[in-house]
Amino acid sequence: MYLIVTRSFPPEVGGMQNLMWGLANELSKHYMIKVFADYQDNHKIFDEQVSFSIERVSGIKLLRKYRKAQLINEFIKINKIEGIIADHWKSLELIKTNKKKICLIHSKEINHEKRSNLNKRVLDVLNNVDTVIANSEFTKNLAIKCGVDEERIIVINPGVNPAEDLNKKSTDKVENLLKHKSPRLITVSRYDKRKNHEKIIMALRNLKQIYPDIIYICVGHGDEEENIKKLVTELDLDEQVMFFKNISNELKNSLVAQSNIFVMPSIVYKKSVEGFGIAFVEAAQYGIPSIGGSDGGAADAIDHKKTGLICDGNNLDEIYSSINLMLENKKYLEYGKNAKDSVSKFYWSNIIKKYKEILN
């Protein structure tokens, strides 16, 4: 039996939640799995539908960490387990066992100043596990820079499940919403500084002169939402930008599938950085190429000048020229085809083979 210890798990929604669900679900096809996860409202309906055991831990956040660790330590004492896989170094910090320990790292949670208290805590955990799994080459290099032993680290990109067929009702709704708008740019992400919506919007002001019917679709929510909407109005781009939030997964996928370019040239903001960018892979499944930032792990998800482009997200001219380059002569069609043809390497059925090599 393997234990999966995670702070992020469905029915809560998010990228980390999807990653840990995909990992647990795939591993359960090959091993006995038990998940220790944080309590979520309405978790019972979700938990009853899965094929493995999930134990939910409730309580206020500070105390929950200790309670969960106590439950896991007691479970290990009376049950035979092969090892533990954790979503975060904090999930392992209080676990006491000599069994195999594997910790996933994603980037911003380890990006602390060297020799700071948090950096020391990170290293105390990661330099005492058997394997550290980085989500990208960028995250691996960041971990080494932070002081993690290089020989412990391997790179395994996050996985995705093959895209489901699109619902005709949703695709018809999208076509009705977008009507004659073209070309179509889209970003699906939280609204925060790191995702760089502002510079895309600033580039859009100039692109509008060449492509008067251009549309930029923003799907998400977050702290920067009002600031981004204010910028759109200030630049007189209300007709060129559409905002969506709290929409169904089917509608989101239809919006992506009926766009031309997925744009997310992320930057480093304070300690926050894009470790990988699963959204690029999700777009590729629908034959949509991406533009990502050179800061972070986008280069693991985007093959530059083949499935999309990597640019400096801090440089407005580069963002503008990258979008324009892909729109000129409809270069996005070639990149999109390449993206769809190569996306299977990110399918969980292939990614899980790398985990099995470690566990075996």
Protein backbone atom coordinates (compact mmCIF):
# COMPACT_ATOMS: atom_id res chain seq x y z
CA MET A 1 0.00 0.00 0.00
CA TYR A 2 1.08 3.55 -0.78
CA LEU A 3 -0.21 6.59 1.09
CA ILE A 4 -0.88 9.83 -0.76
CA VAL A 5 -0.80 12.82 1.57
CA THR A 6 -2.22 16.01 0.10
CA ARG A 7 -3.59 19.38 1.10
CA SER A 8 -5.26 19.82 -2.31
CA PHE A 9 -7.82 17.31 -3.59
CA PRO A 10 -11.24 17.28 -5.29
CA PRO A 11 -14.02 18.17 -4.99
CA GLU A 12 -12.06 21.39 -4.44
CA VAL A 13 -11.23 22.86 -7.86
CA GLY A 14 -7.75 23.81 -9.08
CA GLY A 15 -4.59 22.73 -10.85
CA MET A 16 -3.01 21.05 -7.82
CA GLN A 17 -6.29 19.30 -7.06
CA ASN A 18 -6.41 17.93 -10.61
CA LEU A 19 -2.78 16.80 -10.39
CA MET A 20 -3.22 14.91 -7.13
CA TRP A 21 -6.51 13.38 -8.28
CA GLY A 22 -4.95 12.22 -11.56
CA LEU A 23 -1.95 10.74 -9.75
CA ALA A 24 -4.06 8.93 -7.14
CA ASN A 25 -6.49 7.63 -9.74
CA GLU A 26 -3.76 6.27 -12.04
CA LEU A 27 -1.70 4.74 -9.22
CA SER A 28 -4.82 3.00 -7.90
CA LYS A 29 -4.91 0.96 -11.13
CA HIS A 30 -1.54 -0.60 -10.18
CA TYR A 31 -1.23 -0.40 -6.37
CA MET A 32 -3.31 -0.29 -3.21
CA ILE A 33 -3.75 3.41 -2.48
CA LYS A 34 -5.02 5.36 0.52
CA VAL A 35 -5.35 9.15 0.39
CA PHE A 36 -5.19 11.47 3.39
CA ALA A 37 -6.75 14.76 2.30
CA ASP A 38 -8.15 17.92 3.86
CA TYR A 39 -11.86 18.09 4.56
CA GLN A 40 -14.04 19.65 1.85
CA ASP A 41 -17.73 20.43 1.82
CA ASN A 42 -19.70 17.88 -0.20
CA HIS A 43 -16.73 15.49 -0.25
CA LYS A 44 -18.87 12.44 0.56
CA ILE A 45 -20.53 12.30 -2.87
CA PHE A 46 -17.12 12.52 -4.55
CA ASP A 47 -15.42 10.03 -2.22
CA GLU A 48 -18.12 7.40 -2.71
CA GLN A 49 -17.45 7.31 -6.45
CA VAL A 50 -13.71 6.54 -6.34
CA SER A 51 -12.09 3.12 -6.21
CA PHE A 52 -9.67 3.83 -3.35
CA SER A 53 -9.89 4.91 0.28
CA ILE A 54 -9.91 8.62 1.15
CA GLU A 55 -9.62 9.82 4.74
CA ARG A 56 -10.61 13.46 5.26
CA VAL A 57 -9.11 15.53 8.05
CA SER A 58 -11.09 18.50 9.35
CA GLY A 59 -10.36 21.34 11.77
CA ILE A 60 -8.82 24.80 11.58
CA LYS A 61 -5.82 24.99 9.27
CA LEU A 62 -3.08 25.30 11.91
CA LEU A 63 -4.32 22.40 14.02
CA ARG A 64 -5.34 20.27 11.02
CA LYS A 65 -1.69 19.90 9.96
CA TYR A 66 -0.80 18.32 13.34
CA ARG A 67 -3.95 16.20 13.49
CA LYS A 68 -3.37 14.83 10.01
CA ALA A 69 0.26 13.98 10.81
CA GLN A 70 -0.82 12.19 14.00
CA LEU A 71 -3.41 10.14 12.10
CA ILE A 72 -0.86 9.19 9.43
CA ASN A 73 1.84 8.28 11.96
CA GLU A 74 -0.64 6.05 13.83
CA PHE A 75 -1.79 4.46 10.56
CA ILE A 76 1.80 3.65 9.58
CA LYS A 77 2.42 1.92 12.92
CA ILE A 78 -0.40 -0.60 12.50
CA ASN A 79 -0.50 -1.07 8.72
CA LYS A 80 2.02 -2.33 6.21
CA ILE A 81 2.84 0.43 3.77
CA GLU A 82 5.46 0.63 1.02
CA GLY A 83 5.84 4.37 0.99
CA ILE A 84 4.35 7.87 1.06
CA ILE A 85 3.81 10.30 -1.81
CA ALA A 86 3.22 13.93 -0.77
CA ASP A 87 1.97 16.94 -2.70
CA HIS A 88 4.05 19.46 -0.71
CA TRP A 89 7.03 19.50 1.63
CA LYS A 90 4.74 20.67 4.46
CA SER A 91 2.69 17.48 4.05
CA LEU A 92 5.77 15.45 5.08
CA GLU A 93 7.23 17.76 7.71
CA LEU A 94 5.67 15.97 10.69
CA ILE A 95 5.57 12.42 9.29
CA LYS A 96 7.86 9.99 11.12
CA THR A 97 8.75 6.86 9.14
CA ASN A 98 11.70 5.13 7.54
CA LYS A 99 9.49 3.99 4.65
CA LYS A 100 10.10 5.32 1.15
CA LYS A 101 9.15 9.00 0.89
CA ILE A 102 8.47 10.86 -2.36
CA CYS A 103 7.70 14.58 -2.49
CA LEU A 104 6.37 16.57 -5.44
CA ILE A 105 7.64 20.12 -5.93
CA HIS A 106 6.02 22.79 -8.09
CA SER A 107 8.17 25.98 -7.74
CA LYS A 108 6.78 28.82 -5.64
CA GLU A 109 6.45 26.73 -2.46
CA ILE A 110 10.23 26.17 -2.39
CA ASN A 111 11.23 29.62 -3.68
CA HIS A 112 12.53 31.04 -0.40
CA GLU A 113 15.70 33.00 0.27
CA LYS A 114 18.67 30.76 1.02
CA ARG A 115 19.37 30.26 4.71
CA SER A 116 16.01 31.77 5.67
CA ASN A 117 13.90 29.85 8.18
CA LEU A 118 11.55 28.62 5.46
CA ASN A 119 14.45 27.56 3.25
CA LYS A 120 15.90 25.51 6.15
CA ARG A 121 12.53 23.83 6.72
CA VAL A 122 12.25 22.99 3.03
CA LEU A 123 15.72 21.44 2.98
CA ASP A 124 15.13 19.51 6.21
CA VAL A 125 12.29 17.72 4.44
CA LEU A 126 13.48 17.45 0.82
CA ASN A 127 17.03 16.38 1.65
CA ASN A 128 15.64 13.54 3.74
CA VAL A 129 13.24 11.97 1.23
CA ASP A 130 14.09 9.26 -1.27
CA THR A 131 12.92 11.10 -4.37
CA VAL A 132 11.96 14.68 -5.15
CA ILE A 133 9.74 14.94 -8.24
CA ALA A 134 9.97 18.33 -9.96
CA ASN A 135 7.19 19.31 -12.35
CA SER A 136 9.66 20.84 -14.87
CA GLU A 137 13.34 21.38 -15.60
CA PHE A 138 12.88 24.95 -14.33
CA THR A 139 11.59 23.70 -10.96
CA LYS A 140 14.44 21.19 -10.73
CA ASN A 141 17.02 23.93 -11.31
CA LEU A 142 15.26 26.20 -8.80
CA ALA A 143 15.38 23.40 -6.20
CA ILE A 144 19.12 22.89 -6.77
CA LYS A 145 19.67 26.63 -6.43
CA CYS A 146 17.73 26.56 -3.15
CA GLY A 147 20.00 23.78 -1.81
CA VAL A 148 18.15 20.53 -2.55
CA ASP A 149 20.48 17.60 -3.30
CA GLU A 150 20.57 17.27 -7.09
CA GLU A 151 20.85 13.49 -7.08
CA ARG A 152 17.47 13.19 -5.33
CA ILE A 153 15.59 15.14 -8.02
CA ILE A 154 13.92 13.82 -11.14
CA VAL A 155 11.56 15.63 -13.51
CA ILE A 156 8.09 14.27 -14.20
CA ASN A 157 5.67 16.66 -15.87
CA PRO A 158 2.05 16.73 -14.64
CA GLY A 159 -0.33 14.50 -16.55
CA VAL A 160 -3.69 15.06 -18.20
CA ASN A 161 -6.48 12.75 -19.25
CA PRO A 162 -7.43 12.73 -22.94
CA ALA A 163 -9.89 15.52 -23.69
CA GLU A 164 -13.54 14.56 -23.76
CA ASP A 165 -15.61 15.20 -26.86
CA LEU A 166 -17.07 18.67 -26.86
CA ASN A 167 -20.75 19.16 -26.16
CA LYS A 168 -22.51 20.55 -29.27
CA LYS A 169 -24.70 22.74 -27.10
CA SER A 170 -21.60 24.40 -25.64
CA THR A 171 -19.84 24.81 -28.99
CA ASP A 172 -22.97 26.39 -30.48
CA LYS A 173 -23.18 28.74 -27.51
CA VAL A 174 -19.54 29.81 -27.99
CA GLU A 175 -20.04 30.47 -31.71
CA ASN A 176 -23.11 32.53 -30.89
CA LEU A 177 -21.16 34.51 -28.27
CA LEU A 178 -18.13 35.15 -30.47
CA LYS A 179 -20.04 35.47 -33.75
CA HIS A 180 -17.75 37.20 -36.29
CA LYS A 181 -14.93 37.92 -33.81
CA SER A 182 -11.55 36.79 -35.16
CA PRO A 183 -8.73 36.17 -34.48
CA ARG A 184 -9.34 34.79 -31.00
CA LEU A 185 -6.89 34.85 -28.09
CA ILE A 186 -7.66 33.14 -24.78
CA THR A 187 -6.22 32.85 -21.26
CA VAL A 188 -7.63 30.44 -18.67
CA SER A 189 -6.08 31.18 -15.28
CA ARG A 190 -6.41 33.03 -12.02
CA TYR A 191 -6.23 36.78 -12.29
CA ASP A 192 -2.96 37.54 -10.55
CA LYS A 193 0.16 39.53 -11.39
CA ARG A 194 2.18 36.46 -12.35
CA LYS A 195 -0.19 35.49 -15.18
CA ASN A 196 0.48 38.83 -16.93
CA HIS A 197 -2.98 39.69 -18.30
CA GLU A 198 -2.05 43.38 -18.25
CA LYS A 199 0.66 43.13 -20.87
CA ILE A 200 -1.51 41.00 -23.15
CA ILE A 201 -4.17 43.72 -22.96
CA MET A 202 -1.59 46.42 -23.67
CA ALA A 203 -0.41 44.45 -26.72
CA LEU A 204 -4.03 44.06 -27.78
CA ARG A 205 -4.35 47.83 -28.15
CA ASN A 206 -1.83 47.73 -31.03
CA LEU A 207 -3.05 44.43 -32.46
CA LYS A 208 -6.50 45.97 -32.77
CA GLN A 209 -5.13 48.32 -35.45
CA ILE A 210 -4.16 45.34 -37.64
CA TYR A 211 -7.00 43.00 -36.64
CA PRO A 212 -10.08 45.17 -35.94
CA ASP A 213 -12.25 42.12 -35.11
CA ILE A 214 -9.74 40.57 -32.67
CA ILE A 215 -11.15 39.22 -29.38
CA TYR A 216 -9.34 38.32 -26.14
CA ILE A 217 -11.21 35.83 -23.92
CA CYS A 218 -10.33 35.81 -20.20
CA VAL A 219 -11.61 32.86 -18.15
CA GLY A 220 -11.01 32.86 -14.42
CA HIS A 221 -11.25 34.85 -11.21
CA GLY A 222 -8.84 36.33 -8.72
CA ASP A 223 -7.53 39.36 -6.86
CA GLU A 224 -6.52 41.29 -9.98
CA GLU A 225 -9.88 41.00 -11.75
CA GLU A 226 -11.05 44.58 -11.08
CA ASN A 227 -7.65 46.06 -12.00
CA ILE A 228 -7.64 44.15 -15.30
CA LYS A 229 -11.19 45.25 -16.14
CA LYS A 230 -10.28 48.84 -15.32
CA LEU A 231 -7.28 48.68 -17.69
CA VAL A 232 -9.49 47.31 -20.48
CA THR A 233 -11.84 50.27 -20.12
CA GLU A 234 -8.98 52.80 -19.90
CA LEU A 235 -7.53 51.48 -23.16
CA ASP A 236 -10.94 51.52 -24.86
CA LEU A 237 -10.88 47.74 -25.40
CA ASP A 238 -14.28 46.78 -23.97
CA GLU A 239 -15.33 45.49 -27.40
CA GLN A 240 -12.14 43.39 -27.70
CA VAL A 241 -12.14 41.63 -24.31
CA MET A 242 -14.66 39.17 -22.89
CA PHE A 243 -14.63 37.96 -19.28
CA PHE A 244 -15.99 34.63 -18.04
CA LYS A 245 -16.02 33.13 -14.55
CA ASN A 246 -17.90 30.41 -12.71
CA ILE A 247 -18.68 28.67 -15.99
CA SER A 248 -19.02 24.95 -16.66
CA ASN A 249 -16.03 22.87 -17.67
CA GLU A 250 -17.78 22.12 -20.97
CA LEU A 251 -18.14 25.82 -21.80
CA LYS A 252 -14.54 26.52 -20.78
CA ASN A 253 -13.25 23.75 -23.04
CA SER A 254 -15.41 24.96 -25.92
CA LEU A 255 -14.03 28.49 -25.53
CA VAL A 256 -10.49 27.10 -25.67
CA ALA A 257 -11.22 24.80 -28.62
CA GLN A 258 -12.74 27.61 -30.67
CA SER A 259 -9.90 30.06 -30.05
CA ASN A 260 -6.75 30.46 -32.13
CA ILE A 261 -3.99 31.03 -29.56
CA PHE A 262 -3.69 30.34 -25.82
CA VAL A 263 -1.71 33.25 -24.34
CA MET A 264 -0.10 33.21 -20.89
CA PRO A 265 3.39 34.80 -20.91
CA SER A 266 3.89 34.43 -17.15
CA ILE A 267 6.51 36.33 -15.17
CA VAL A 268 8.12 36.00 -11.75
CA TYR A 269 6.15 38.16 -9.31
CA LYS A 270 7.76 38.38 -5.88
CA LYS A 271 8.26 34.65 -5.04
CA SER A 272 5.44 33.46 -7.28
CA VAL A 273 6.46 31.70 -10.50
CA GLU A 274 4.84 29.35 -13.03
CA GLY A 275 6.36 25.93 -12.38
CA PHE A 276 4.90 24.23 -15.45
CA GLY A 277 1.59 25.40 -16.94
CA ILE A 278 -0.84 22.51 -17.40
CA ALA A 279 -3.20 24.93 -19.20
CA PHE A 280 -0.84 24.88 -22.21
CA VAL A 281 -1.21 21.10 -22.43
CA GLU A 282 -4.98 21.28 -22.06
CA ALA A 283 -5.12 23.79 -24.94
CA ALA A 284 -2.87 21.58 -27.08
CA GLN A 285 -5.41 18.74 -26.83
CA TYR A 286 -7.79 20.87 -28.89
CA GLY A 287 -5.13 21.82 -31.43
CA ILE A 288 -4.59 25.27 -29.91
CA PRO A 289 -0.95 26.46 -29.75
CA SER A 290 0.34 28.55 -26.85
CA ILE A 291 2.50 31.55 -26.07
CA GLY A 292 4.23 31.18 -22.71
CA GLY A 293 6.79 33.13 -20.71
CA SER A 294 10.50 32.42 -20.47
CA ASP A 295 10.24 32.81 -16.67
CA GLY A 296 9.20 29.46 -15.22
CA GLY A 297 8.53 26.01 -16.64
CA ALA A 298 6.45 26.80 -19.73
CA ALA A 299 9.27 25.47 -21.94
CA ASP A 300 8.48 21.94 -20.70
CA ALA A 301 4.92 22.29 -22.01
CA ILE A 302 5.61 24.33 -25.17
CA ASP A 303 8.08 23.27 -27.85
CA HIS A 304 9.34 26.67 -29.04
CA LYS A 305 8.63 27.36 -32.72
CA LYS A 306 6.90 23.98 -33.03
CA THR A 307 3.87 23.84 -30.72
CA GLY A 308 3.95 27.53 -29.80
CA LEU A 309 6.31 30.30 -28.76
CA ILE A 310 8.24 31.21 -25.62
CA CYS A 311 8.79 34.93 -25.05
CA ASP A 312 9.99 37.30 -22.33
CA GLY A 313 6.82 38.16 -20.43
CA ASN A 314 8.49 41.27 -19.03
CA ASN A 315 8.96 42.67 -22.56
CA LEU A 316 5.79 44.11 -24.08
CA ASP A 317 7.33 44.22 -27.56
CA GLU A 318 8.10 40.48 -27.40
CA ILE A 319 4.56 39.64 -26.36
CA TYR A 320 3.14 41.77 -29.17
CA SER A 321 5.53 40.37 -31.82
CA SER A 322 4.94 36.77 -30.67
CA ILE A 323 1.17 37.10 -31.01
CA ASN A 324 1.51 38.90 -34.33
CA LEU A 325 3.96 36.29 -35.65
CA MET A 326 1.49 33.49 -34.93
CA LEU A 327 -1.40 35.41 -36.48
CA GLU A 328 0.49 36.35 -39.65
CA ASN A 329 -0.28 33.86 -42.41
CA LYS A 330 -2.22 31.87 -39.77
CA LYS A 331 0.96 30.29 -38.40
CA TYR A 332 -1.15 29.17 -35.42
CA LEU A 333 -2.69 26.44 -37.61
CA GLU A 334 0.69 24.73 -38.12
CA TYR A 335 1.68 25.12 -34.47
CA GLY A 336 -1.74 23.93 -33.35
CA LYS A 337 -1.51 20.76 -35.41
CA ASN A 338 1.95 20.04 -33.99
CA ALA A 339 0.65 20.64 -30.46
CA LYS A 340 -2.21 18.19 -30.88
CA ASP A 341 0.04 15.57 -32.52
CA SER A 342 2.53 15.61 -29.63
CA VAL A 343 0.24 16.04 -26.62
CA SER A 344 -0.08 12.30 -25.88
CA LYS A 345 3.28 12.31 -24.06
CA PHE A 346 1.48 14.20 -21.27
CA TYR A 347 -1.35 11.66 -20.95
CA TRP A 348 -1.52 10.06 -17.51
CA SER A 349 -1.24 6.61 -19.12
CA ASN A 350 2.31 7.60 -20.20
CA ILE A 351 3.26 9.82 -17.24
CA ILE A 352 2.37 7.09 -14.71
CA LYS A 353 5.05 4.81 -16.18
CA LYS A 354 7.70 7.15 -14.75
CA TYR A 355 6.12 6.95 -11.29
CA LYS A 356 6.02 3.17 -11.50
CA GLU A 357 9.75 3.10 -12.24
CA ILE A 358 10.37 4.95 -8.98
CA LEU A 359 7.97 2.89 -6.90
CA ASN A 360 9.27 -0.42 -8.24
